[in-house]
């Protein structure tokens, strides 16, 4: 691991945390509301908790891993 890989992982982790905060603040309430409304007709589908779990995995695990792999490419762009 190089310095640029770690910097890339930290940058992408920051982007993932911001993404998670925005989705948690703006999208989750409407998902939850639709899910609760659809429970009355038994057509609720996938739960918002599952969707948020997938978003958390993507934001907090996959984004930093992607940044780790793309960090060396940033060296050639900025260095």
C-alpha atoms as a PDB file:
ATOM      1  CA  UNK A   1       0.000   0.000   0.000  1.00  0.00           C
ATOM      2  CA  UNK A   2       1.269   3.374  -0.936  1.00  0.00           C
ATOM      3  CA  UNK A   3       0.534   6.764   0.527  1.00  0.00           C
ATOM      4  CA  UNK A   4      -1.724   7.580  -2.424  1.00  0.00           C
ATOM      5  CA  UNK A   5      -3.751   4.432  -1.889  1.00  0.00           C
ATOM      6  CA  UNK A   6      -4.434   5.397   1.719  1.00  0.00           C
ATOM      7  CA  UNK A   7      -5.319   8.952   0.728  1.00  0.00           C
ATOM      8  CA  UNK A   8      -7.663   7.599  -1.939  1.00  0.00           C
ATOM      9  CA  UNK A   9      -9.312   5.303   0.604  1.00  0.00           C
ATOM     10  CA  UNK A  10      -9.805   8.200   3.027  1.00  0.00           C
ATOM     11  CA  UNK A  11     -11.232  10.438   0.297  1.00  0.00           C
ATOM     12  CA  UNK A  12     -13.665   7.763  -0.839  1.00  0.00           C
ATOM     13  CA  UNK A  13     -14.585   7.005   2.775  1.00  0.00           C
ATOM     14  CA  UNK A  14     -15.451  10.670   3.220  1.00  0.00           C
ATOM     15  CA  UNK A  15     -17.548  10.609   0.058  1.00  0.00           C
ATOM     16  CA  UNK A  16     -19.283   7.461   1.317  1.00  0.00           C
ATOM     17  CA  UNK A  17     -20.074   9.014   4.693  1.00  0.00           C
ATOM     18  CA  UNK A  18     -21.526  12.112   3.033  1.00  0.00           C
ATOM     19  CA  UNK A  19     -23.528   9.906   0.676  1.00  0.00           C
ATOM     20  CA  UNK A  20     -24.870   7.873   3.591  1.00  0.00           C
ATOM     21  CA  UNK A  21     -25.851  11.011   5.504  1.00  0.00           C
ATOM     22  CA  UNK A  22     -27.676  12.489   2.520  1.00  0.00           C
ATOM     23  CA  UNK A  23     -29.537   9.267   1.760  1.00  0.00           C
ATOM     24  CA  UNK A  24     -30.379   8.720   5.418  1.00  0.00           C
ATOM     25  CA  UNK A  25     -31.718  12.251   5.693  1.00  0.00           C
ATOM     26  CA  UNK A  26     -33.593  12.584   2.402  1.00  0.00           C
ATOM     27  CA  UNK A  27     -34.473   9.169   0.987  1.00  0.00           C
ATOM     28  CA  UNK A  28     -35.032   6.961   4.029  1.00  0.00           C
ATOM     29  CA  UNK A  29     -38.073   8.800   5.440  1.00  0.00           C
ATOM     30  CA  UNK A  30     -39.976   8.499   2.155  1.00  0.00           C
ATOM     31  CA  UNK A  31     -38.994   4.829   1.826  1.00  0.00           C
ATOM     32  CA  UNK A  32     -40.186   4.168   5.353  1.00  0.00           C
ATOM     33  CA  UNK A  33     -43.441   6.051   4.796  1.00  0.00           C
ATOM     34  CA  UNK A  34     -44.239   4.129   1.583  1.00  0.00           C
ATOM     35  CA  UNK A  35     -43.379   0.841   3.254  1.00  0.00           C
ATOM     36  CA  UNK A  36     -45.679   1.518   6.201  1.00  0.00           C
ATOM     37  CA  UNK A  37     -48.471   2.672   3.880  1.00  0.00           C
ATOM     38  CA  UNK A  38     -48.112  -0.453   1.702  1.00  0.00           C
ATOM     39  CA  UNK A  39     -48.311  -2.738   4.736  1.00  0.00           C
ATOM     40  CA  UNK A  40     -52.057  -2.120   4.849  1.00  0.00           C
ATOM     41  CA  UNK A  41     -52.473  -3.743   1.426  1.00  0.00           C
ATOM     42  CA  UNK A  42     -49.784  -6.446   1.924  1.00  0.00           C
ATOM     43  CA  UNK A  43     -47.780  -5.120  -1.058  1.00  0.00           C
ATOM     44  CA  UNK A  44     -44.833  -3.668   0.828  1.00  0.00           C
ATOM     45  CA  UNK A  45     -42.000  -5.449  -1.000  1.00  0.00           C
ATOM     46  CA  UNK A  46     -38.424  -5.031   0.237  1.00  0.00           C
ATOM     47  CA  UNK A  47     -38.030  -3.340   3.591  1.00  0.00           C
ATOM     48  CA  UNK A  48     -36.285   0.027   3.917  1.00  0.00           C
ATOM     49  CA  UNK A  49     -33.974  -1.510   6.536  1.00  0.00           C
ATOM     50  CA  UNK A  50     -32.599  -3.886   3.896  1.00  0.00           C
ATOM     51  CA  UNK A  51     -32.116  -1.065   1.417  1.00  0.00           C
ATOM     52  CA  UNK A  52     -30.282   1.005   4.014  1.00  0.00           C
ATOM     53  CA  UNK A  53     -28.083  -1.972   4.910  1.00  0.00           C
ATOM     54  CA  UNK A  54     -27.027  -2.251   1.273  1.00  0.00           C
ATOM     55  CA  UNK A  55     -26.357   1.498   1.127  1.00  0.00           C
ATOM     56  CA  UNK A  56     -24.243   1.281   4.298  1.00  0.00           C
ATOM     57  CA  UNK A  57     -22.189  -1.590   2.892  1.00  0.00           C
ATOM     58  CA  UNK A  58     -21.669   0.311  -0.339  1.00  0.00           C
ATOM     59  CA  UNK A  59     -20.797   3.590   1.404  1.00  0.00           C
ATOM     60  CA  UNK A  60     -18.617   2.339   4.247  1.00  0.00           C
ATOM     61  CA  UNK A  61     -16.961  -0.756   2.747  1.00  0.00           C
ATOM     62  CA  UNK A  62     -16.998  -0.720  -1.038  1.00  0.00           C
ATOM     63  CA  UNK A  63     -16.216   2.986  -1.517  1.00  0.00           C
ATOM     64  CA  UNK A  64     -12.995   2.910   0.585  1.00  0.00           C
ATOM     65  CA  UNK A  65     -11.890  -0.288  -1.152  1.00  0.00           C
ATOM     66  CA  UNK A  66     -12.447   1.391  -4.503  1.00  0.00           C
ATOM     67  CA  UNK A  67     -10.433   4.385  -3.278  1.00  0.00           C
ATOM     68  CA  UNK A  68      -7.661   2.071  -2.158  1.00  0.00           C
ATOM     69  CA  UNK A  69      -7.383   0.601  -5.639  1.00  0.00           C
ATOM     70  CA  UNK A  70      -7.717   3.934  -7.443  1.00  0.00           C
ATOM     71  CA  UNK A  71      -5.222   5.732  -5.200  1.00  0.00           C
ATOM     72  CA  UNK A  72      -2.221   4.871  -7.337  1.00  0.00           C
ATOM     73  CA  UNK A  73      -3.973   6.284 -10.382  1.00  0.00           C
ATOM     74  CA  UNK A  74      -4.374   9.572  -8.530  1.00  0.00           C
ATOM     75  CA  UNK A  75      -0.582   9.697  -8.265  1.00  0.00           C
ATOM     76  CA  UNK A  76      -0.296   9.798 -12.041  1.00  0.00           C
ATOM     77  CA  UNK A  77      -2.998  12.470 -12.306  1.00  0.00           C
ATOM     78  CA  UNK A  78      -1.785  14.818  -9.563  1.00  0.00           C
ATOM     79  CA  UNK A  79       1.845  13.829  -9.215  1.00  0.00           C
END
